[in-house]
Protein backbone atom coordinates (compact mmCIF):
# COMPACT_ATOMS: atom_id res chain seq x y z
CA UNK A 1 0.00 0.00 0.00
CA UNK A 2 1.36 3.41 -0.97
CA UNK A 3 1.54 6.31 1.45
CA UNK A 4 -0.68 9.28 0.61
CA UNK A 5 0.92 12.61 -0.25
CA UNK A 6 -0.57 14.16 2.88
CA UNK A 7 0.89 11.49 5.13
CA UNK A 8 4.25 11.83 3.36
CA UNK A 9 4.19 15.55 4.16
CA UNK A 10 3.23 14.86 7.79
CA UNK A 11 6.05 12.31 8.08
CA UNK A 12 8.60 14.68 6.56
CA UNK A 13 7.51 17.56 8.83
CA UNK A 14 7.66 15.35 11.93
CA UNK A 15 11.12 14.14 10.92
CA UNK A 16 12.36 17.74 10.58
CA UNK A 17 10.88 18.87 13.91
CA UNK A 18 12.19 15.86 15.82
CA UNK A 19 15.60 16.17 14.16
CA UNK A 20 15.83 19.87 15.05
CA UNK A 21 14.90 19.33 18.69
CA UNK A 22 17.30 16.38 18.93
CA UNK A 23 20.13 18.42 17.36
CA UNK A 24 19.63 21.26 19.86
CA UNK A 25 19.46 18.90 22.84
CA UNK A 26 22.57 17.04 21.67
CA UNK A 27 24.52 20.28 21.22
CA UNK A 28 23.56 21.53 24.67
CA UNK A 29 24.87 18.30 26.20
CA UNK A 30 27.91 17.61 24.00
CA UNK A 31 29.39 21.07 23.33
CA UNK A 32 30.47 21.65 26.96
CA UNK A 33 32.37 18.33 26.90
CA UNK A 34 34.64 19.93 24.30
CA UNK A 35 34.85 23.31 25.97
CA UNK A 36 32.47 24.95 23.50
CA UNK A 37 30.28 27.52 25.21
CA UNK A 38 27.42 28.96 23.20
CA UNK A 39 24.12 30.63 23.93
CA UNK A 40 20.68 29.43 22.96
CA UNK A 41 20.61 31.61 19.82
CA UNK A 42 23.80 29.97 18.55
CA UNK A 43 22.44 26.50 19.34
CA UNK A 44 19.27 27.27 17.38
CA UNK A 45 21.26 28.56 14.40
CA UNK A 46 23.65 25.60 14.37
CA UNK A 47 20.64 23.29 14.68
CA UNK A 48 19.13 24.86 11.55
CA UNK A 49 22.35 24.15 9.65
CA UNK A 50 22.21 20.50 10.72
CA UNK A 51 18.55 20.30 9.69
CA UNK A 52 19.41 21.66 6.24
CA UNK A 53 22.17 19.11 5.76
CA UNK A 54 19.90 16.34 7.01
CA UNK A 55 17.12 17.33 4.60
CA UNK A 56 19.53 17.34 1.67
CA UNK A 57 20.96 13.96 2.69
CA UNK A 58 17.52 12.42 3.16
CA UNK A 59 16.29 13.71 -0.19
CA UNK A 60 19.38 12.49 -2.04
CA UNK A 61 19.20 9.03 -0.46
CA UNK A 62 15.48 8.74 -1.11
CA UNK A 63 15.97 9.63 -4.79
CA UNK A 64 18.92 7.20 -5.06
CA UNK A 65 16.92 4.31 -3.61
CA UNK A 66 13.92 5.15 -5.79
CA UNK A 67 16.17 5.08 -8.87
CA UNK A 68 17.58 1.73 -7.77
CA UNK A 69 14.08 0.38 -7.17
CA UNK A 70 12.82 1.42 -10.59
CA UNK A 71 15.86 -0.08 -12.31
CA UNK A 72 15.41 -3.38 -10.46
CA UNK A 73 11.81 -3.76 -11.51
CA UNK A 74 12.05 -2.69 -15.14
CA UNK A 75 10.98 -5.48 -17.47
CA UNK A 76 13.78 -6.79 -19.64
CA UNK A 77 13.54 -6.13 -23.37
PDB file of N, CA and C in Angstrom:
ATOM      1  N   UNK A   1       0.836  -1.175   0.000  1.00  0.00           N
ATOM      2  CA  UNK A   1       0.000   0.000   0.000  1.00  0.00           C
ATOM      3  C   UNK A   1       0.886   1.245   0.000  1.00  0.00           C
ATOM      4  N   UNK A   2       0.577   2.191  -0.874  1.00  0.00           N
ATOM      5  CA  UNK A   2       1.356   3.411  -0.970  1.00  0.00           C
ATOM      6  C   UNK A   2       0.910   4.420   0.079  1.00  0.00           C
ATOM      7  N   UNK A   3       1.844   5.251   0.498  1.00  0.00           N
ATOM      8  CA  UNK A   3       1.544   6.307   1.452  1.00  0.00           C
ATOM      9  C   UNK A   3       0.952   7.499   0.702  1.00  0.00           C
ATOM     10  N   UNK A   4      -0.077   8.121   1.266  1.00  0.00           N
ATOM     11  CA  UNK A   4      -0.679   9.283   0.612  1.00  0.00           C
ATOM     12  C   UNK A   4       0.286  10.465   0.662  1.00  0.00           C
ATOM     13  N   UNK A   5       0.075  11.420  -0.220  1.00  0.00           N
ATOM     14  CA  UNK A   5       0.921  12.615  -0.253  1.00  0.00           C
ATOM     15  C   UNK A   5       0.822  13.385   1.060  1.00  0.00           C
ATOM     16  N   UNK A   6      -0.372  13.448   1.614  1.00  0.00           N
ATOM     17  CA  UNK A   6      -0.570  14.162   2.878  1.00  0.00           C
ATOM     18  C   UNK A   6       0.230  13.508   3.995  1.00  0.00           C
ATOM     19  N   UNK A   7       0.150  12.181   4.068  1.00  0.00           N
ATOM     20  CA  UNK A   7       0.893  11.490   5.126  1.00  0.00           C
ATOM     21  C   UNK A   7       2.400  11.582   4.887  1.00  0.00           C
ATOM     22  N   UNK A   8       2.833  11.622   3.641  1.00  0.00           N
ATOM     23  CA  UNK A   8       4.254  11.826   3.357  1.00  0.00           C
ATOM     24  C   UNK A   8       4.705  13.184   3.865  1.00  0.00           C
ATOM     25  N   UNK A   9       3.873  14.211   3.669  1.00  0.00           N
ATOM     26  CA  UNK A   9       4.190  15.553   4.162  1.00  0.00           C
ATOM     27  C   UNK A   9       4.223  15.573   5.682  1.00  0.00           C
ATOM     28  N   UNK A  10       3.261  14.923   6.313  1.00  0.00           N
ATOM     29  CA  UNK A  10       3.230  14.855   7.786  1.00  0.00           C
ATOM     30  C   UNK A  10       4.480  14.145   8.309  1.00  0.00           C
ATOM     31  N   UNK A  11       4.848  13.042   7.669  1.00  0.00           N
ATOM     32  CA  UNK A  11       6.045  12.307   8.084  1.00  0.00           C
ATOM     33  C   UNK A  11       7.296  13.162   7.930  1.00  0.00           C
ATOM     34  N   UNK A  12       7.425  13.842   6.805  1.00  0.00           N
ATOM     35  CA  UNK A  12       8.600  14.683   6.563  1.00  0.00           C
ATOM     36  C   UNK A  12       8.668  15.826   7.579  1.00  0.00           C
ATOM     37  N   UNK A  13       7.540  16.459   7.860  1.00  0.00           N
ATOM     38  CA  UNK A  13       7.512  17.556   8.831  1.00  0.00           C
ATOM     39  C   UNK A  13       7.874  17.055  10.228  1.00  0.00           C
ATOM     40  N   UNK A  14       7.335  15.914  10.612  1.00  0.00           N
ATOM     41  CA  UNK A  14       7.660  15.348  11.927  1.00  0.00           C
ATOM     42  C   UNK A  14       9.142  15.014  12.016  1.00  0.00           C
ATOM     43  N   UNK A  15       9.698  14.486  10.942  1.00  0.00           N
ATOM     44  CA  UNK A  15      11.117  14.144  10.919  1.00  0.00           C
ATOM     45  C   UNK A  15      11.977  15.395  11.115  1.00  0.00           C
ATOM     46  N   UNK A  16      11.607  16.493  10.457  1.00  0.00           N
ATOM     47  CA  UNK A  16      12.355  17.741  10.578  1.00  0.00           C
ATOM     48  C   UNK A  16      12.264  18.289  11.998  1.00  0.00           C
ATOM     49  N   UNK A  17      11.070  18.321  12.554  1.00  0.00           N
ATOM     50  CA  UNK A  17      10.885  18.867  13.907  1.00  0.00           C
ATOM     51  C   UNK A  17      11.641  18.036  14.934  1.00  0.00           C
ATOM     52  N   UNK A  18      11.489  16.725  14.872  1.00  0.00           N
ATOM     53  CA  UNK A  18      12.187  15.857  15.823  1.00  0.00           C
ATOM     54  C   UNK A  18      13.700  15.977  15.653  1.00  0.00           C
ATOM     55  N   UNK A  19      14.169  16.020  14.416  1.00  0.00           N
ATOM     56  CA  UNK A  19      15.601  16.174  14.163  1.00  0.00           C
ATOM     57  C   UNK A  19      16.147  17.477  14.711  1.00  0.00           C
ATOM     58  N   UNK A  20      15.406  18.559  14.549  1.00  0.00           N
ATOM     59  CA  UNK A  20      15.829  19.871  15.050  1.00  0.00           C
ATOM     60  C   UNK A  20      15.933  19.871  16.576  1.00  0.00           C
ATOM     61  N   UNK A  21      14.898  19.383  17.224  1.00  0.00           N
ATOM     62  CA  UNK A  21      14.901  19.325  18.693  1.00  0.00           C
ATOM     63  C   UNK A  21      16.034  18.431  19.186  1.00  0.00           C
ATOM     64  N   UNK A  22      16.235  17.293  18.534  1.00  0.00           N
ATOM     65  CA  UNK A  22      17.304  16.382  18.930  1.00  0.00           C
ATOM     66  C   UNK A  22      18.679  17.013  18.726  1.00  0.00           C
ATOM     67  N   UNK A  23      18.859  17.744  17.614  1.00  0.00           N
ATOM     68  CA  UNK A  23      20.133  18.416  17.358  1.00  0.00           C
ATOM     69  C   UNK A  23      20.433  19.447  18.447  1.00  0.00           C
ATOM     70  N   UNK A  24      19.439  20.245  18.824  1.00  0.00           N
ATOM     71  CA  UNK A  24      19.631  21.264  19.858  1.00  0.00           C
ATOM     72  C   UNK A  24      19.976  20.603  21.188  1.00  0.00           C
ATOM     73  N   UNK A  25      19.213  19.587  21.561  1.00  0.00           N
ATOM     74  CA  UNK A  25      19.462  18.905  22.839  1.00  0.00           C
ATOM     75  C   UNK A  25      20.858  18.275  22.853  1.00  0.00           C
ATOM     76  N   UNK A  26      21.256  17.665  21.749  1.00  0.00           N
ATOM     77  CA  UNK A  26      22.573  17.044  21.666  1.00  0.00           C
ATOM     78  C   UNK A  26      23.678  18.083  21.800  1.00  0.00           C
ATOM     79  N   UNK A  27      23.518  19.209  21.124  1.00  0.00           N
ATOM     80  CA  UNK A  27      24.520  20.279  21.215  1.00  0.00           C
ATOM     81  C   UNK A  27      24.652  20.795  22.643  1.00  0.00           C
ATOM     82  N   UNK A  28      23.534  20.994  23.298  1.00  0.00           N
ATOM     83  CA  UNK A  28      23.557  21.525  24.670  1.00  0.00           C
ATOM     84  C   UNK A  28      24.313  20.579  25.594  1.00  0.00           C
ATOM     85  N   UNK A  29      24.187  19.289  25.365  1.00  0.00           N
ATOM     86  CA  UNK A  29      24.871  18.299  26.196  1.00  0.00           C
ATOM     87  C   UNK A  29      26.331  18.118  25.777  1.00  0.00           C
ATOM     88  N   UNK A  30      26.586  18.001  24.485  1.00  0.00           N
ATOM     89  CA  UNK A  30      27.910  17.610  23.998  1.00  0.00           C
ATOM     90  C   UNK A  30      28.898  18.771  23.919  1.00  0.00           C
ATOM     91  N   UNK A  31      28.453  19.951  23.506  1.00  0.00           N
ATOM     92  CA  UNK A  31      29.386  21.065  23.331  1.00  0.00           C
ATOM     93  C   UNK A  31      30.230  21.343  24.574  1.00  0.00           C
ATOM     94  N   UNK A  32      29.645  21.392  25.766  1.00  0.00           N
ATOM     95  CA  UNK A  32      30.474  21.649  26.956  1.00  0.00           C
ATOM     96  C   UNK A  32      31.561  20.599  27.197  1.00  0.00           C
ATOM     97  N   UNK A  33      31.347  19.367  26.754  1.00  0.00           N
ATOM     98  CA  UNK A  33      32.370  18.333  26.902  1.00  0.00           C
ATOM     99  C   UNK A  33      33.642  18.715  26.165  1.00  0.00           C
ATOM    100  N   UNK A  34      33.497  19.515  25.111  1.00  0.00           N
ATOM    101  CA  UNK A  34      34.636  19.930  24.297  1.00  0.00           C
ATOM    102  C   UNK A  34      35.034  21.376  24.552  1.00  0.00           C
ATOM    103  N   UNK A  35      34.499  21.939  25.616  1.00  0.00           N
ATOM    104  CA  UNK A  35      34.848  23.307  25.970  1.00  0.00           C
ATOM    105  C   UNK A  35      34.212  24.355  25.074  1.00  0.00           C
ATOM    106  N   UNK A  36      33.161  24.006  24.375  1.00  0.00           N
ATOM    107  CA  UNK A  36      32.469  24.947  23.496  1.00  0.00           C
ATOM    108  C   UNK A  36      31.293  25.544  24.264  1.00  0.00           C
ATOM    109  N   UNK A  37      31.360  26.824  24.491  1.00  0.00           N
ATOM    110  CA  UNK A  37      30.284  27.517  25.214  1.00  0.00           C
ATOM    111  C   UNK A  37      29.531  28.404  24.237  1.00  0.00           C
ATOM    112  N   UNK A  38      28.244  28.145  24.078  1.00  0.00           N
ATOM    113  CA  UNK A  38      27.415  28.956  23.200  1.00  0.00           C
ATOM    114  C   UNK A  38      26.094  29.248  23.884  1.00  0.00           C
ATOM    115  N   UNK A  39      25.436  30.293  23.408  1.00  0.00           N
ATOM    116  CA  UNK A  39      24.120  30.633  23.927  1.00  0.00           C
ATOM    117  C   UNK A  39      23.032  29.918  23.142  1.00  0.00           C
ATOM    118  N   UNK A  40      21.806  30.101  23.594  1.00  0.00           N
ATOM    119  CA  UNK A  40      20.675  29.431  22.962  1.00  0.00           C
ATOM    120  C   UNK A  40      20.527  29.855  21.502  1.00  0.00           C
ATOM    121  N   UNK A  41      20.746  31.141  21.210  1.00  0.00           N
ATOM    122  CA  UNK A  41      20.612  31.614  19.823  1.00  0.00           C
ATOM    123  C   UNK A  41      21.591  30.884  18.899  1.00  0.00           C
ATOM    124  N   UNK A  42      22.813  30.685  19.361  1.00  0.00           N
ATOM    125  CA  UNK A  42      23.802  29.965  18.548  1.00  0.00           C
ATOM    126  C   UNK A  42      23.405  28.507  18.369  1.00  0.00           C
ATOM    127  N   UNK A  43      22.898  27.895  19.441  1.00  0.00           N
ATOM    128  CA  UNK A  43      22.439  26.498  19.340  1.00  0.00           C
ATOM    129  C   UNK A  43      21.319  26.378  18.311  1.00  0.00           C
ATOM    130  N   UNK A  44      20.384  27.319  18.329  1.00  0.00           N
ATOM    131  CA  UNK A  44      19.269  27.266  17.384  1.00  0.00           C
ATOM    132  C   UNK A  44      19.755  27.436  15.946  1.00  0.00           C
ATOM    133  N   UNK A  45      20.715  28.336  15.742  1.00  0.00           N
ATOM    134  CA  UNK A  45      21.259  28.562  14.398  1.00  0.00           C
ATOM    135  C   UNK A  45      22.034  27.349  13.899  1.00  0.00           C
ATOM    136  N   UNK A  46      22.880  26.799  14.749  1.00  0.00           N
ATOM    137  CA  UNK A  46      23.645  25.600  14.372  1.00  0.00           C
ATOM    138  C   UNK A  46      22.685  24.446  14.083  1.00  0.00           C
ATOM    139  N   UNK A  47      21.647  24.326  14.898  1.00  0.00           N
ATOM    140  CA  UNK A  47      20.638  23.286  14.681  1.00  0.00           C
ATOM    141  C   UNK A  47      19.981  23.412  13.314  1.00  0.00           C
ATOM    142  N   UNK A  48      19.709  24.650  12.871  1.00  0.00           N
ATOM    143  CA  UNK A  48      19.131  24.861  11.545  1.00  0.00           C
ATOM    144  C   UNK A  48      20.077  24.384  10.449  1.00  0.00           C
ATOM    145  N   UNK A  49      21.377  24.621  10.639  1.00  0.00           N
ATOM    146  CA  UNK A  49      22.353  24.149   9.652  1.00  0.00           C
ATOM    147  C   UNK A  49      22.326  22.628   9.561  1.00  0.00           C
ATOM    148  N   UNK A  50      22.273  21.967  10.717  1.00  0.00           N
ATOM    149  CA  UNK A  50      22.212  20.505  10.722  1.00  0.00           C
ATOM    150  C   UNK A  50      20.924  19.998  10.063  1.00  0.00           C
ATOM    151  N   UNK A  51      19.822  20.692  10.300  1.00  0.00           N
ATOM    152  CA  UNK A  51      18.552  20.303   9.689  1.00  0.00           C
ATOM    153  C   UNK A  51      18.646  20.412   8.170  1.00  0.00           C
ATOM    154  N   UNK A  52      19.253  21.492   7.684  1.00  0.00           N
ATOM    155  CA  UNK A  52      19.414  21.661   6.242  1.00  0.00           C
ATOM    156  C   UNK A  52      20.229  20.548   5.612  1.00  0.00           C
ATOM    157  N   UNK A  53      21.327  20.204   6.260  1.00  0.00           N
ATOM    158  CA  UNK A  53      22.171  19.112   5.763  1.00  0.00           C
ATOM    159  C   UNK A  53      21.403  17.794   5.807  1.00  0.00           C
ATOM    160  N   UNK A  54      20.671  17.578   6.870  1.00  0.00           N
ATOM    161  CA  UNK A  54      19.898  16.341   7.011  1.00  0.00           C
ATOM    162  C   UNK A  54      18.818  16.238   5.940  1.00  0.00           C
ATOM    163  N   UNK A  55      18.138  17.344   5.648  1.00  0.00           N
ATOM    164  CA  UNK A  55      17.117  17.331   4.604  1.00  0.00           C
ATOM    165  C   UNK A  55      17.729  16.994   3.243  1.00  0.00           C
ATOM    166  N   UNK A  56      18.854  17.611   2.939  1.00  0.00           N
ATOM    167  CA  UNK A  56      19.526  17.344   1.667  1.00  0.00           C
ATOM    168  C   UNK A  56      19.953  15.881   1.578  1.00  0.00           C
ATOM    169  N   UNK A  57      20.526  15.360   2.667  1.00  0.00           N
ATOM    170  CA  UNK A  57      20.958  13.963   2.694  1.00  0.00           C
ATOM    171  C   UNK A  57      19.776  13.019   2.513  1.00  0.00           C
ATOM    172  N   UNK A  58      18.697  13.274   3.250  1.00  0.00           N
ATOM    173  CA  UNK A  58      17.518  12.423   3.160  1.00  0.00           C
ATOM    174  C   UNK A  58      16.905  12.427   1.776  1.00  0.00           C
ATOM    175  N   UNK A  59      16.843  13.605   1.161  1.00  0.00           N
ATOM    176  CA  UNK A  59      16.292  13.707  -0.189  1.00  0.00           C
ATOM    177  C   UNK A  59      17.161  12.942  -1.183  1.00  0.00           C
ATOM    178  N   UNK A  60      18.469  13.160  -1.100  1.00  0.00           N
ATOM    179  CA  UNK A  60      19.379  12.493  -2.035  1.00  0.00           C
ATOM    180  C   UNK A  60      19.307  10.971  -1.891  1.00  0.00           C
ATOM    181  N   UNK A  61      19.288  10.476  -0.675  1.00  0.00           N
ATOM    182  CA  UNK A  61      19.204   9.030  -0.464  1.00  0.00           C
ATOM    183  C   UNK A  61      17.863   8.474  -0.939  1.00  0.00           C
ATOM    184  N   UNK A  62      16.795   9.203  -0.688  1.00  0.00           N
ATOM    185  CA  UNK A  62      15.481   8.743  -1.112  1.00  0.00           C
ATOM    186  C   UNK A  62      15.417   8.631  -2.634  1.00  0.00           C
ATOM    187  N   UNK A  63      15.961   9.635  -3.328  1.00  0.00           N
ATOM    188  CA  UNK A  63      15.970   9.625  -4.790  1.00  0.00           C
ATOM    189  C   UNK A  63      16.868   8.495  -5.310  1.00  0.00           C
ATOM    190  N   UNK A  64      18.024   8.275  -4.656  1.00  0.00           N
ATOM    191  CA  UNK A  64      18.918   7.196  -5.058  1.00  0.00           C
ATOM    192  C   UNK A  64      18.231   5.841  -4.941  1.00  0.00           C
ATOM    193  N   UNK A  65      17.587   5.593  -3.811  1.00  0.00           N
ATOM    194  CA  UNK A  65      16.921   4.309  -3.612  1.00  0.00           C
ATOM    195  C   UNK A  65      15.726   4.150  -4.544  1.00  0.00           C
ATOM    196  N   UNK A  66      15.027   5.243  -4.844  1.00  0.00           N
ATOM    197  CA  UNK A  66      13.917   5.154  -5.789  1.00  0.00           C
ATOM    198  C   UNK A  66      14.440   4.809  -7.179  1.00  0.00           C
ATOM    199  N   UNK A  67      15.563   5.404  -7.571  1.00  0.00           N
ATOM    200  CA  UNK A  67      16.168   5.085  -8.869  1.00  0.00           C
ATOM    201  C   UNK A  67      16.595   3.615  -8.908  1.00  0.00           C
ATOM    202  N   UNK A  68      17.175   3.138  -7.827  1.00  0.00           N
ATOM    203  CA  UNK A  68      17.584   1.730  -7.773  1.00  0.00           C
ATOM    204  C   UNK A  68      16.367   0.820  -7.853  1.00  0.00           C
ATOM    205  N   UNK A  69      15.297   1.197  -7.166  1.00  0.00           N
ATOM    206  CA  UNK A  69      14.078   0.383  -7.175  1.00  0.00           C
ATOM    207  C   UNK A  69      13.482   0.314  -8.573  1.00  0.00           C
ATOM    208  N   UNK A  70      13.417   1.434  -9.258  1.00  0.00           N
ATOM    209  CA  UNK A  70      12.817   1.421 -10.588  1.00  0.00           C
ATOM    210  C   UNK A  70      13.683   0.651 -11.584  1.00  0.00           C
ATOM    211  N   UNK A  71      14.987   0.694 -11.423  1.00  0.00           N
ATOM    212  CA  UNK A  71      15.864  -0.079 -12.314  1.00  0.00           C
ATOM    213  C   UNK A  71      15.729  -1.576 -12.064  1.00  0.00           C
ATOM    214  N   UNK A  72      15.541  -1.959 -10.797  1.00  0.00           N
ATOM    215  CA  UNK A  72      15.413  -3.376 -10.460  1.00  0.00           C
ATOM    216  C   UNK A  72      14.160  -3.995 -11.052  1.00  0.00           C
ATOM    217  N   UNK A  73      13.089  -3.213 -11.105  1.00  0.00           N
ATOM    218  CA  UNK A  73      11.809  -3.760 -11.508  1.00  0.00           C
ATOM    219  C   UNK A  73      11.410  -3.413 -12.935  1.00  0.00           C
ATOM    220  N   UNK A  74      12.350  -2.942 -13.733  1.00  0.00           N
ATOM    221  CA  UNK A  74      12.046  -2.695 -15.141  1.00  0.00           C
ATOM    222  C   UNK A  74      12.032  -4.024 -15.884  1.00  0.00           C
ATOM    223  N   UNK A  75      11.005  -4.226 -16.691  1.00  0.00           N
ATOM    224  CA  UNK A  75      10.983  -5.479 -17.472  1.00  0.00           C
ATOM    225  C   UNK A  75      12.108  -5.491 -18.489  1.00  0.00           C
ATOM    226  N   UNK A  76      12.693  -6.653 -18.662  1.00  0.00           N
ATOM    227  CA  UNK A  76      13.776  -6.790 -19.641  1.00  0.00           C
ATOM    228  C   UNK A  76      13.207  -6.764 -21.044  1.00  0.00           C
ATOM    229  N   UNK A  77      13.993  -6.237 -21.973  1.00  0.00           N
ATOM    230  CA  UNK A  77      13.540  -6.127 -23.371  1.00  0.00           C
ATOM    231  C   UNK A  77      13.990  -7.307 -24.174  1.00  0.00           C
TER     232      UNK A  77
END
